Amino acid sequence: MSKQKSNLSENIRSYLIITIGLFIGAIAWTGFIIPAGIVGSGVSGIATMIYFVSGIKVGYSVFLINTVFLLVSLRILGFSFGIKTLYGITVISFFLWLFQSIITEPLVSDRFMCSIIGGIMAGAGAGMILSRGGSTGGTDILAMIINKYKNYSPGQLLLTIDVVIISSSYFLENSIEQVVYGFVTMGVSAYVVDMIIEGSKQSVQIIIFTQKPELIRKEVIHNLDQGLTVINATGGYSNQDVKILMVLAKKRDSQTILKMIKHVDPDAFISMGSVMGVYGQGFDKIKS
C-alpha cells in the first residue's frame, strides 16, 4: 500500500513539475519571443511564423500541428509517446492561447534581451518537462518518423529541422537580423536544456569512514531508502579491521545523507565526489 502511495505521489510530483515547465515555456514564447518578432525553433517557431503571416494565435496552430503529427505517428510508429505527451501538447497549447490573449507587448523592450531571456526560460521549461519524462511532441515526433525510414540520428534531424525553420524566418522581413535572433534564442535554449537535464541526472559517490557503521547503514537503507555497500578494509595506520561504507546517490539527495551522517557520527570522515554516470536500478539505463 505504501508503495502505491509512493508511486502516486511521484506521479503527482512529475505532472506538477511538467505543468510548471509548460507554464514557464509559454511565458517565454508569449512574453518575450513572439512579441519581439523572433521566430524560434520547433513547432512553436512554425506557429509563430503562421501568426506573423495570418494573425492566427500560436496556441491554435501548435495544437493543430501537433495533432496532425500525433495522428501520423500513431499510424507509423504506434502509440509510443504516452499520456504525458498528450498532456504536454494540450496544456502548452492552452497556455500559449491564454497568455497571448493577455500579453500584447514584450515584457522587455530590448529585442536582444528578449531573445536571451526567452531562450533561457524556454530552455528551463523544456528541461523540466524532459527531466520528468514529458514532452510537447512537435518536431520530436517528426524526427522519429523520418528516422524510421532514413538512417539519420534524431539529434541531427532535430537540429536540421530547427535550422530550416529559423532560416525560413528571413522571408518574413527579408532580414538577416531576424534569423540571427532566432539562432541566439535556439542556442541559449539548447544550452539551458542540457544544463537542467544533466543536473537532474548527476550522481555522487559518498565514502564514509566511521566508528558507527551499523547505525549509519540502518539509517541509509531504512530511513533514507538508499542503497549502500559495506567494504571490509584494514586501517593503514592502526592495522585494525574497519568497515567502509559507500553510497551512490543522486546529487540532490547528498545533503540529506551528509546531515544524517553528521547527526549519527559527528567524527565520521567523509569523501564525496561527482561520478560521470551510474547505471542500474534507480539510476540511468544503458541505452542499446
C-alpha atoms as a PDB file:
ATOM      1  CA  MET A   1       0.000   0.000   0.000  1.00  0.00           C
ATOM      2  CA  SER A   2       2.830   2.395   0.881  1.00  0.00           C
ATOM      3  CA  LYS A   3       4.498   1.618  -2.459  1.00  0.00           C
ATOM      4  CA  GLN A   4       1.292   2.555  -4.304  1.00  0.00           C
ATOM      5  CA  LYS A   5       1.118   5.809  -2.331  1.00  0.00           C
ATOM      6  CA  SER A   6       4.763   6.477  -3.157  1.00  0.00           C
ATOM      7  CA  ASN A   7       4.129   5.882  -6.878  1.00  0.00           C
ATOM      8  CA  LEU A   8       1.057   8.115  -6.793  1.00  0.00           C
ATOM      9  CA  SER A   9       2.996  10.843  -5.001  1.00  0.00           C
ATOM     10  CA  GLU A  10       5.821  10.602  -7.557  1.00  0.00           C
ATOM     11  CA  ASN A  11       3.328  10.786 -10.454  1.00  0.00           C
ATOM     12  CA  ILE A  12       1.652  13.855  -8.969  1.00  0.00           C
ATOM     13  CA  ARG A  13       5.071  15.462  -8.464  1.00  0.00           C
ATOM     14  CA  SER A  14       6.048  14.668 -12.073  1.00  0.00           C
ATOM     15  CA  TYR A  15       2.881  16.222 -13.501  1.00  0.00           C
ATOM     16  CA  LEU A  16       3.289  19.265 -11.239  1.00  0.00           C
ATOM     17  CA  ILE A  17       6.869  19.833 -12.475  1.00  0.00           C
ATOM     18  CA  ILE A  18       5.792  19.256 -16.097  1.00  0.00           C
ATOM     19  CA  THR A  19       2.975  21.792 -15.673  1.00  0.00           C
ATOM     20  CA  ILE A  20       5.360  24.373 -14.197  1.00  0.00           C
ATOM     21  CA  GLY A  21       7.731  23.730 -17.114  1.00  0.00           C
ATOM     22  CA  LEU A  22       4.891  24.222 -19.607  1.00  0.00           C
ATOM     23  CA  PHE A  23       3.896  27.429 -17.830  1.00  0.00           C
ATOM     24  CA  ILE A  24       7.455  28.811 -17.950  1.00  0.00           C
ATOM     25  CA  GLY A  25       7.826  27.824 -21.616  1.00  0.00           C
ATOM     26  CA  ALA A  26       4.551  29.504 -22.550  1.00  0.00           C
ATOM     27  CA  ILE A  27       5.595  32.724 -20.784  1.00  0.00           C
ATOM     28  CA  ALA A  28       8.925  32.598 -22.641  1.00  0.00           C
ATOM     29  CA  TRP A  29       7.182  32.479 -26.010  1.00  0.00           C
ATOM     30  CA  THR A  30       4.281  34.855 -25.361  1.00  0.00           C
ATOM     31  CA  GLY A  31       6.121  37.322 -23.112  1.00  0.00           C
ATOM     32  CA  PHE A  32       9.464  37.589 -24.897  1.00  0.00           C
ATOM     33  CA  ILE A  33       9.995  35.656 -28.129  1.00  0.00           C
ATOM     34  CA  ILE A  34       6.760  36.213 -30.102  1.00  0.00           C
ATOM     35  CA  PRO A  35       6.038  39.871 -29.198  1.00  0.00           C
ATOM     36  CA  ALA A  36       9.666  40.732 -30.007  1.00  0.00           C
ATOM     37  CA  GLY A  37       9.111  39.396 -33.536  1.00  0.00           C
ATOM     38  CA  ILE A  38      11.524  36.480 -33.095  1.00  0.00           C
ATOM     39  CA  VAL A  39      10.987  33.062 -34.689  1.00  0.00           C
ATOM     40  CA  GLY A  40      12.351  30.276 -32.502  1.00  0.00           C
ATOM     41  CA  SER A  41      12.722  26.563 -33.149  1.00  0.00           C
ATOM     42  CA  GLY A  42      10.288  23.666 -33.183  1.00  0.00           C
ATOM     43  CA  VAL A  43       6.549  23.645 -33.748  1.00  0.00           C
ATOM     44  CA  SER A  44       6.213  26.864 -31.756  1.00  0.00           C
ATOM     45  CA  GLY A  45       8.545  28.505 -34.308  1.00  0.00           C
ATOM     46  CA  ILE A  46       6.361  27.288 -37.187  1.00  0.00           C
ATOM     47  CA  ALA A  47       3.256  28.501 -35.347  1.00  0.00           C
ATOM     48  CA  THR A  48       4.947  31.877 -34.748  1.00  0.00           C
ATOM     49  CA  MET A  49       5.547  32.342 -38.495  1.00  0.00           C
ATOM     50  CA  ILE A  50       1.919  31.410 -39.168  1.00  0.00           C
ATOM     51  CA  TYR A  51       0.876  34.029 -36.608  1.00  0.00           C
ATOM     52  CA  PHE A  52       3.036  36.738 -38.184  1.00  0.00           C
ATOM     53  CA  VAL A  53       1.590  35.987 -41.636  1.00  0.00           C
ATOM     54  CA  SER A  54      -2.053  35.276 -40.827  1.00  0.00           C
ATOM     55  CA  GLY A  55      -2.737  36.517 -37.286  1.00  0.00           C
ATOM     56  CA  ILE A  56      -3.842  33.039 -36.122  1.00  0.00           C
ATOM     57  CA  LYS A  57      -2.869  32.688 -32.467  1.00  0.00           C
ATOM     58  CA  VAL A  58       0.080  30.433 -31.754  1.00  0.00           C
ATOM     59  CA  GLY A  59      -1.852  28.173 -29.376  1.00  0.00           C
ATOM     60  CA  TYR A  60      -4.276  27.129 -32.127  1.00  0.00           C
ATOM     61  CA  SER A  61      -1.504  26.350 -34.616  1.00  0.00           C
ATOM     62  CA  VAL A  62       0.595  24.450 -32.040  1.00  0.00           C
ATOM     63  CA  PHE A  63      -2.375  22.260 -31.132  1.00  0.00           C
ATOM     64  CA  LEU A  64      -3.341  21.624 -34.774  1.00  0.00           C
ATOM     65  CA  ILE A  65       0.212  20.832 -35.974  1.00  0.00           C
ATOM     66  CA  ASN A  66       0.908  18.555 -33.007  1.00  0.00           C
ATOM     67  CA  THR A  67      -2.421  16.766 -33.513  1.00  0.00           C
ATOM     68  CA  VAL A  68      -1.512  16.060 -37.152  1.00  0.00           C
ATOM     69  CA  PHE A  69       1.951  14.812 -36.140  1.00  0.00           C
ATOM     70  CA  LEU A  70       0.414  12.595 -33.450  1.00  0.00           C
ATOM     71  CA  LEU A  71      -2.150  11.051 -35.816  1.00  0.00           C
ATOM     72  CA  VAL A  72       0.539  10.326 -38.408  1.00  0.00           C
ATOM     73  CA  SER A  73       2.871   8.910 -35.747  1.00  0.00           C
ATOM     74  CA  LEU A  74       0.155   6.615 -34.393  1.00  0.00           C
ATOM     75  CA  ARG A  75      -0.122   5.028 -37.823  1.00  0.00           C
ATOM     76  CA  ILE A  76       3.629   4.815 -38.467  1.00  0.00           C
ATOM     77  CA  LEU A  77       5.227   4.428 -35.012  1.00  0.00           C
ATOM     78  CA  GLY A  78       2.383   3.116 -32.873  1.00  0.00           C
ATOM     79  CA  PHE A  79       1.355   4.621 -29.540  1.00  0.00           C
ATOM     80  CA  SER A  80       4.858   5.233 -28.210  1.00  0.00           C
ATOM     81  CA  PHE A  81       4.502   8.713 -26.714  1.00  0.00           C
ATOM     82  CA  GLY A  82       2.231   8.118 -23.766  1.00  0.00           C
ATOM     83  CA  ILE A  83      -0.150  10.184 -21.685  1.00  0.00           C
ATOM     84  CA  LYS A  84       2.481  12.745 -20.644  1.00  0.00           C
ATOM     85  CA  THR A  85       2.993  13.789 -24.280  1.00  0.00           C
ATOM     86  CA  LEU A  86      -0.749  14.198 -24.838  1.00  0.00           C
ATOM     87  CA  TYR A  87      -0.936  16.172 -21.589  1.00  0.00           C
ATOM     88  CA  GLY A  88       2.020  18.357 -22.619  1.00  0.00           C
ATOM     89  CA  ILE A  89       0.563  19.137 -26.057  1.00  0.00           C
ATOM     90  CA  THR A  90      -2.850  20.044 -24.635  1.00  0.00           C
ATOM     91  CA  VAL A  91      -1.594  22.186 -21.753  1.00  0.00           C
ATOM     92  CA  ILE A  92       1.075  24.077 -23.743  1.00  0.00           C
ATOM     93  CA  SER A  93      -1.497  24.884 -26.432  1.00  0.00           C
ATOM     94  CA  PHE A  94      -3.886  26.225 -23.783  1.00  0.00           C
ATOM     95  CA  PHE A  95      -1.176  28.267 -22.019  1.00  0.00           C
ATOM     96  CA  LEU A  96       0.022  29.766 -25.318  1.00  0.00           C
ATOM     97  CA  TRP A  97      -3.539  30.748 -26.265  1.00  0.00           C
ATOM     98  CA  LEU A  98      -4.250  32.195 -22.798  1.00  0.00           C
ATOM     99  CA  PHE A  99      -1.044  34.212 -22.372  1.00  0.00           C
ATOM    100  CA  GLN A 100      -1.028  35.511 -25.929  1.00  0.00           C
ATOM    101  CA  SER A 101      -4.504  36.904 -25.248  1.00  0.00           C
ATOM    102  CA  ILE A 102      -3.226  38.652 -22.124  1.00  0.00           C
ATOM    103  CA  ILE A 103       0.292  39.759 -23.138  1.00  0.00           C
ATOM    104  CA  THR A 104       0.293  42.129 -26.112  1.00  0.00           C
ATOM    105  CA  GLU A 105       3.719  43.752 -25.703  1.00  0.00           C
ATOM    106  CA  PRO A 106       7.133  42.227 -24.973  1.00  0.00           C
ATOM    107  CA  LEU A 107       7.894  42.195 -21.261  1.00  0.00           C
ATOM    108  CA  VAL A 108      11.358  43.651 -22.060  1.00  0.00           C
ATOM    109  CA  SER A 109      11.750  46.373 -24.680  1.00  0.00           C
ATOM    110  CA  ASP A 110      15.197  45.354 -25.981  1.00  0.00           C
ATOM    111  CA  ARG A 111      14.925  42.701 -28.704  1.00  0.00           C
ATOM    112  CA  PHE A 112      18.256  41.052 -27.942  1.00  0.00           C
ATOM    113  CA  MET A 113      17.372  40.726 -24.260  1.00  0.00           C
ATOM    114  CA  CYS A 114      14.056  39.183 -25.299  1.00  0.00           C
ATOM    115  CA  SER A 115      15.941  36.528 -27.275  1.00  0.00           C
ATOM    116  CA  ILE A 116      18.249  35.782 -24.327  1.00  0.00           C
ATOM    117  CA  ILE A 117      15.580  35.765 -21.604  1.00  0.00           C
ATOM    118  CA  GLY A 118      13.111  33.940 -23.828  1.00  0.00           C
ATOM    119  CA  GLY A 119      15.756  31.326 -24.674  1.00  0.00           C
ATOM    120  CA  ILE A 120      16.655  30.827 -21.013  1.00  0.00           C
ATOM    121  CA  MET A 121      13.025  30.424 -19.951  1.00  0.00           C
ATOM    122  CA  ALA A 122      12.089  28.212 -22.906  1.00  0.00           C
ATOM    123  CA  GLY A 123      15.110  26.001 -22.200  1.00  0.00           C
ATOM    124  CA  ALA A 124      14.342  25.854 -18.488  1.00  0.00           C
ATOM    125  CA  GLY A 125      10.746  24.881 -19.198  1.00  0.00           C
ATOM    126  CA  ALA A 126      11.739  22.216 -21.733  1.00  0.00           C
ATOM    127  CA  GLY A 127      14.410  20.858 -19.394  1.00  0.00           C
ATOM    128  CA  MET A 128      11.913  20.492 -16.555  1.00  0.00           C
ATOM    129  CA  ILE A 129       9.454  18.711 -18.857  1.00  0.00           C
ATOM    130  CA  LEU A 130      12.040  16.316 -20.302  1.00  0.00           C
ATOM    131  CA  SER A 131      13.574  15.576 -16.890  1.00  0.00           C
ATOM    132  CA  ARG A 132      10.227  14.154 -15.764  1.00  0.00           C
ATOM    133  CA  GLY A 133       9.666  12.064 -18.899  1.00  0.00           C
ATOM    134  CA  GLY A 134       7.287  14.550 -20.513  1.00  0.00           C
ATOM    135  CA  SER A 135       7.235  16.052 -23.990  1.00  0.00           C
ATOM    136  CA  THR A 136       5.380  18.642 -26.023  1.00  0.00           C
ATOM    137  CA  GLY A 137       5.557  16.486 -29.153  1.00  0.00           C
ATOM    138  CA  GLY A 138       6.261  18.669 -32.158  1.00  0.00           C
ATOM    139  CA  THR A 139       9.389  18.209 -34.220  1.00  0.00           C
ATOM    140  CA  ASP A 140      10.486  15.368 -31.896  1.00  0.00           C
ATOM    141  CA  ILE A 141       7.735  13.269 -33.472  1.00  0.00           C
ATOM    142  CA  LEU A 142       8.665  14.374 -36.990  1.00  0.00           C
ATOM    143  CA  ALA A 143      12.310  13.433 -36.378  1.00  0.00           C
ATOM    144  CA  MET A 144      11.303   9.981 -35.143  1.00  0.00           C
ATOM    145  CA  ILE A 145       9.102   9.417 -38.211  1.00  0.00           C
ATOM    146  CA  ILE A 146      11.958  10.343 -40.574  1.00  0.00           C
ATOM    147  CA  ASN A 147      14.382   8.223 -38.540  1.00  0.00           C
ATOM    148  CA  LYS A 148      12.170   5.174 -39.093  1.00  0.00           C
ATOM    149  CA  TYR A 149      12.817   5.299 -42.844  1.00  0.00           C
ATOM    150  CA  LYS A 150      16.191   7.048 -43.094  1.00  0.00           C
ATOM    151  CA  ASN A 151      19.381   6.289 -41.188  1.00  0.00           C
ATOM    152  CA  TYR A 152      19.727   9.709 -39.527  1.00  0.00           C
ATOM    153  CA  SER A 153      20.104  10.275 -35.796  1.00  0.00           C
ATOM    154  CA  PRO A 154      17.132  12.058 -34.156  1.00  0.00           C
ATOM    155  CA  GLY A 155      19.518  14.704 -32.767  1.00  0.00           C
ATOM    156  CA  GLN A 156      20.856  15.596 -36.208  1.00  0.00           C
ATOM    157  CA  LEU A 157      17.342  15.637 -37.636  1.00  0.00           C
ATOM    158  CA  LEU A 158      16.049  17.957 -34.905  1.00  0.00           C
ATOM    159  CA  LEU A 159      18.952  20.358 -35.427  1.00  0.00           C
ATOM    160  CA  THR A 160      18.398  20.336 -39.205  1.00  0.00           C
ATOM    161  CA  ILE A 161      14.649  20.922 -38.836  1.00  0.00           C
ATOM    162  CA  ASP A 162      15.211  23.793 -36.385  1.00  0.00           C
ATOM    163  CA  VAL A 163      17.806  25.404 -38.671  1.00  0.00           C
ATOM    164  CA  VAL A 164      15.360  25.217 -41.601  1.00  0.00           C
ATOM    165  CA  ILE A 165      12.525  26.719 -39.513  1.00  0.00           C
ATOM    166  CA  ILE A 166      14.601  29.628 -38.199  1.00  0.00           C
ATOM    167  CA  SER A 167      16.279  30.286 -41.565  1.00  0.00           C
ATOM    168  CA  SER A 168      12.830  30.471 -43.177  1.00  0.00           C
ATOM    169  CA  SER A 169      12.036  33.473 -40.986  1.00  0.00           C
ATOM    170  CA  TYR A 170      14.312  35.509 -43.288  1.00  0.00           C
ATOM    171  CA  PHE A 171      11.477  35.702 -45.808  1.00  0.00           C
ATOM    172  CA  LEU A 172       9.147  37.377 -43.302  1.00  0.00           C
ATOM    173  CA  GLU A 173      11.104  40.641 -43.272  1.00  0.00           C
ATOM    174  CA  ASN A 174      13.990  39.864 -45.682  1.00  0.00           C
ATOM    175  CA  SER A 175      16.193  40.424 -42.645  1.00  0.00           C
ATOM    176  CA  ILE A 176      19.316  38.531 -41.580  1.00  0.00           C
ATOM    177  CA  GLU A 177      18.880  40.111 -38.158  1.00  0.00           C
ATOM    178  CA  GLN A 178      15.604  38.225 -37.787  1.00  0.00           C
ATOM    179  CA  VAL A 179      17.422  34.932 -38.391  1.00  0.00           C
ATOM    180  CA  VAL A 180      20.277  35.801 -36.018  1.00  0.00           C
ATOM    181  CA  TYR A 181      17.887  36.494 -33.139  1.00  0.00           C
ATOM    182  CA  GLY A 182      16.228  33.140 -33.797  1.00  0.00           C
ATOM    183  CA  PHE A 183      19.539  31.286 -33.651  1.00  0.00           C
ATOM    184  CA  VAL A 184      20.526  33.123 -30.460  1.00  0.00           C
ATOM    185  CA  THR A 185      17.263  32.011 -28.859  1.00  0.00           C
ATOM    186  CA  MET A 186      17.755  28.423 -30.064  1.00  0.00           C
ATOM    187  CA  GLY A 187      21.366  28.268 -28.835  1.00  0.00           C
ATOM    188  CA  VAL A 188      20.583  29.651 -25.383  1.00  0.00           C
ATOM    189  CA  SER A 189      17.571  27.362 -25.038  1.00  0.00           C
ATOM    190  CA  ALA A 190      19.539  24.239 -26.028  1.00  0.00           C
ATOM    191  CA  TYR A 191      22.318  25.103 -23.548  1.00  0.00           C
ATOM    192  CA  VAL A 192      19.861  25.558 -20.663  1.00  0.00           C
ATOM    193  CA  VAL A 193      18.054  22.307 -21.531  1.00  0.00           C
ATOM    194  CA  ASP A 194      21.359  20.411 -21.366  1.00  0.00           C
ATOM    195  CA  MET A 195      22.251  22.033 -18.031  1.00  0.00           C
ATOM    196  CA  ILE A 196      18.939  21.051 -16.440  1.00  0.00           C
ATOM    197  CA  ILE A 197      18.865  17.515 -17.863  1.00  0.00           C
ATOM    198  CA  GLU A 198      22.453  16.768 -16.848  1.00  0.00           C
ATOM    199  CA  GLY A 199      21.921  18.403 -13.463  1.00  0.00           C
ATOM    200  CA  SER A 200      18.908  16.209 -12.734  1.00  0.00           C
ATOM    201  CA  LYS A 201      20.906  13.081 -13.637  1.00  0.00           C
ATOM    202  CA  GLN A 202      24.114  13.985 -11.811  1.00  0.00           C
ATOM    203  CA  SER A 203      25.114  11.480  -9.158  1.00  0.00           C
ATOM    204  CA  VAL A 204      27.651  11.412  -6.336  1.00  0.00           C
ATOM    205  CA  GLN A 205      29.731   8.731  -4.655  1.00  0.00           C
ATOM    206  CA  ILE A 206      29.988   9.092  -0.880  1.00  0.00           C
ATOM    207  CA  ILE A 207      32.617   7.077   1.016  1.00  0.00           C
ATOM    208  CA  ILE A 208      32.189   7.032   4.802  1.00  0.00           C
ATOM    209  CA  PHE A 209      34.802   6.109   7.415  1.00  0.00           C
ATOM    210  CA  THR A 210      33.009   5.806  10.751  1.00  0.00           C
ATOM    211  CA  GLN A 211      33.133   4.152  14.152  1.00  0.00           C
ATOM    212  CA  LYS A 212      29.371   3.565  13.906  1.00  0.00           C
ATOM    213  CA  PRO A 213      28.939   1.747  10.573  1.00  0.00           C
ATOM    214  CA  GLU A 214      25.897  -0.269  11.639  1.00  0.00           C
ATOM    215  CA  LEU A 215      23.912   2.770  12.786  1.00  0.00           C
ATOM    216  CA  ILE A 216      24.664   4.667   9.588  1.00  0.00           C
ATOM    217  CA  ARG A 217      23.905   1.586   7.462  1.00  0.00           C
ATOM    218  CA  LYS A 218      20.452   1.273   9.008  1.00  0.00           C
ATOM    219  CA  GLU A 219      19.748   4.992   8.583  1.00  0.00           C
ATOM    220  CA  VAL A 220      20.787   4.987   4.906  1.00  0.00           C
ATOM    221  CA  ILE A 221      18.843   1.856   3.972  1.00  0.00           C
ATOM    222  CA  HIS A 222      15.711   2.093   6.109  1.00  0.00           C
ATOM    223  CA  ASN A 223      15.134   5.823   6.633  1.00  0.00           C
ATOM    224  CA  LEU A 224      16.691   7.360   3.507  1.00  0.00           C
ATOM    225  CA  ASP A 225      15.774   4.472   1.179  1.00  0.00           C
ATOM    226  CA  GLN A 226      19.231   4.453  -0.417  1.00  0.00           C
ATOM    227  CA  GLY A 227      21.450   1.558  -1.460  1.00  0.00           C
ATOM    228  CA  LEU A 228      24.744   1.055   0.318  1.00  0.00           C
ATOM    229  CA  THR A 229      27.824  -1.160   0.106  1.00  0.00           C
ATOM    230  CA  VAL A 230      29.897  -2.245   3.120  1.00  0.00           C
ATOM    231  CA  ILE A 231      33.591  -2.735   2.326  1.00  0.00           C
ATOM    232  CA  ASN A 232      35.842  -4.658   4.703  1.00  0.00           C
ATOM    233  CA  ALA A 233      39.227  -2.964   4.944  1.00  0.00           C
ATOM    234  CA  THR A 234      42.301  -2.604   7.145  1.00  0.00           C
ATOM    235  CA  GLY A 235      43.419   0.718   8.601  1.00  0.00           C
ATOM    236  CA  GLY A 236      46.812   1.725   7.245  1.00  0.00           C
ATOM    237  CA  TYR A 237      47.971   3.340  10.493  1.00  0.00           C
ATOM    238  CA  SER A 238      46.119   1.276  13.109  1.00  0.00           C
ATOM    239  CA  ASN A 239      46.348  -2.020  11.185  1.00  0.00           C
ATOM    240  CA  GLN A 240      42.883  -2.822  12.562  1.00  0.00           C
ATOM    241  CA  ASP A 241      39.908  -4.176  10.653  1.00  0.00           C
ATOM    242  CA  VAL A 242      37.452  -1.420   9.682  1.00  0.00           C
ATOM    243  CA  LYS A 243      34.237  -1.181   7.705  1.00  0.00           C
ATOM    244  CA  ILE A 244      33.964   1.456   4.960  1.00  0.00           C
ATOM    245  CA  LEU A 245      30.508   2.460   3.700  1.00  0.00           C
ATOM    246  CA  MET A 246      29.996   3.505   0.080  1.00  0.00           C
ATOM    247  CA  VAL A 247      26.800   5.176  -1.118  1.00  0.00           C
ATOM    248  CA  LEU A 248      25.833   6.076  -4.704  1.00  0.00           C
ATOM    249  CA  ALA A 249      23.074   8.689  -4.756  1.00  0.00           C
ATOM    250  CA  LYS A 250      21.565  11.485  -6.786  1.00  0.00           C
ATOM    251  CA  LYS A 251      23.285  14.794  -6.132  1.00  0.00           C
ATOM    252  CA  ARG A 252      20.014  16.305  -4.913  1.00  0.00           C
ATOM    253  CA  ASP A 253      19.950  13.708  -2.082  1.00  0.00           C
ATOM    254  CA  SER A 254      23.568  14.231  -0.987  1.00  0.00           C
ATOM    255  CA  GLN A 255      22.926  16.961   1.586  1.00  0.00           C
ATOM    256  CA  THR A 256      20.296  14.841   3.342  1.00  0.00           C
ATOM    257  CA  ILE A 257      22.773  11.965   3.574  1.00  0.00           C
ATOM    258  CA  LEU A 258      25.566  14.214   4.878  1.00  0.00           C
ATOM    259  CA  LYS A 259      23.307  15.738   7.554  1.00  0.00           C
ATOM    260  CA  MET A 260      22.296  12.257   8.684  1.00  0.00           C
ATOM    261  CA  ILE A 261      25.936  11.137   8.949  1.00  0.00           C
ATOM    262  CA  LYS A 262      26.831  14.247  10.954  1.00  0.00           C
ATOM    263  CA  HIS A 263      23.904  13.573  13.297  1.00  0.00           C
ATOM    264  CA  VAL A 264      24.822   9.896  13.871  1.00  0.00           C
ATOM    265  CA  ASP A 265      28.603  10.294  13.972  1.00  0.00           C
ATOM    266  CA  PRO A 266      29.983  13.866  14.070  1.00  0.00           C
ATOM    267  CA  ASP A 267      33.534  12.433  13.913  1.00  0.00           C
ATOM    268  CA  ALA A 268      32.974  10.463  10.694  1.00  0.00           C
ATOM    269  CA  PHE A 269      35.454  11.026   7.871  1.00  0.00           C
ATOM    270  CA  ILE A 270      33.635  11.502   4.540  1.00  0.00           C
ATOM    271  CA  SER A 271      34.820  11.645   0.940  1.00  0.00           C
ATOM    272  CA  MET A 272      32.345  12.755  -1.740  1.00  0.00           C
ATOM    273  CA  GLY A 273      32.878  13.105  -5.463  1.00  0.00           C
ATOM    274  CA  SER A 274      30.802  13.500  -8.612  1.00  0.00           C
ATOM    275  CA  VAL A 275      30.606  10.497 -10.919  1.00  0.00           C
ATOM    276  CA  MET A 276      30.226  10.584 -14.701  1.00  0.00           C
ATOM    277  CA  GLY A 277      27.395   8.051 -14.803  1.00  0.00           C
ATOM    278  CA  VAL A 278      25.584   5.491 -12.672  1.00  0.00           C
ATOM    279  CA  TYR A 279      23.625   2.754 -14.420  1.00  0.00           C
ATOM    280  CA  GLY A 280      21.243   0.275 -12.862  1.00  0.00           C
ATOM    281  CA  GLN A 281      18.121   0.178 -10.733  1.00  0.00           C
ATOM    282  CA  GLY A 282      17.139   3.629  -9.525  1.00  0.00           C
ATOM    283  CA  PHE A 283      19.606   5.363 -11.858  1.00  0.00           C
ATOM    284  CA  ASP A 284      20.091   5.637 -15.628  1.00  0.00           C
ATOM    285  CA  LYS A 285      19.543   2.813 -18.068  1.00  0.00           C
ATOM    286  CA  ILE A 286      22.198   1.804 -20.578  1.00  0.00           C
ATOM    287  CA  LYS A 287      20.756   2.621 -23.973  1.00  0.00           C
ATOM    288  CA  SER A 288      21.188  -0.044 -26.624  1.00  0.00           C
END
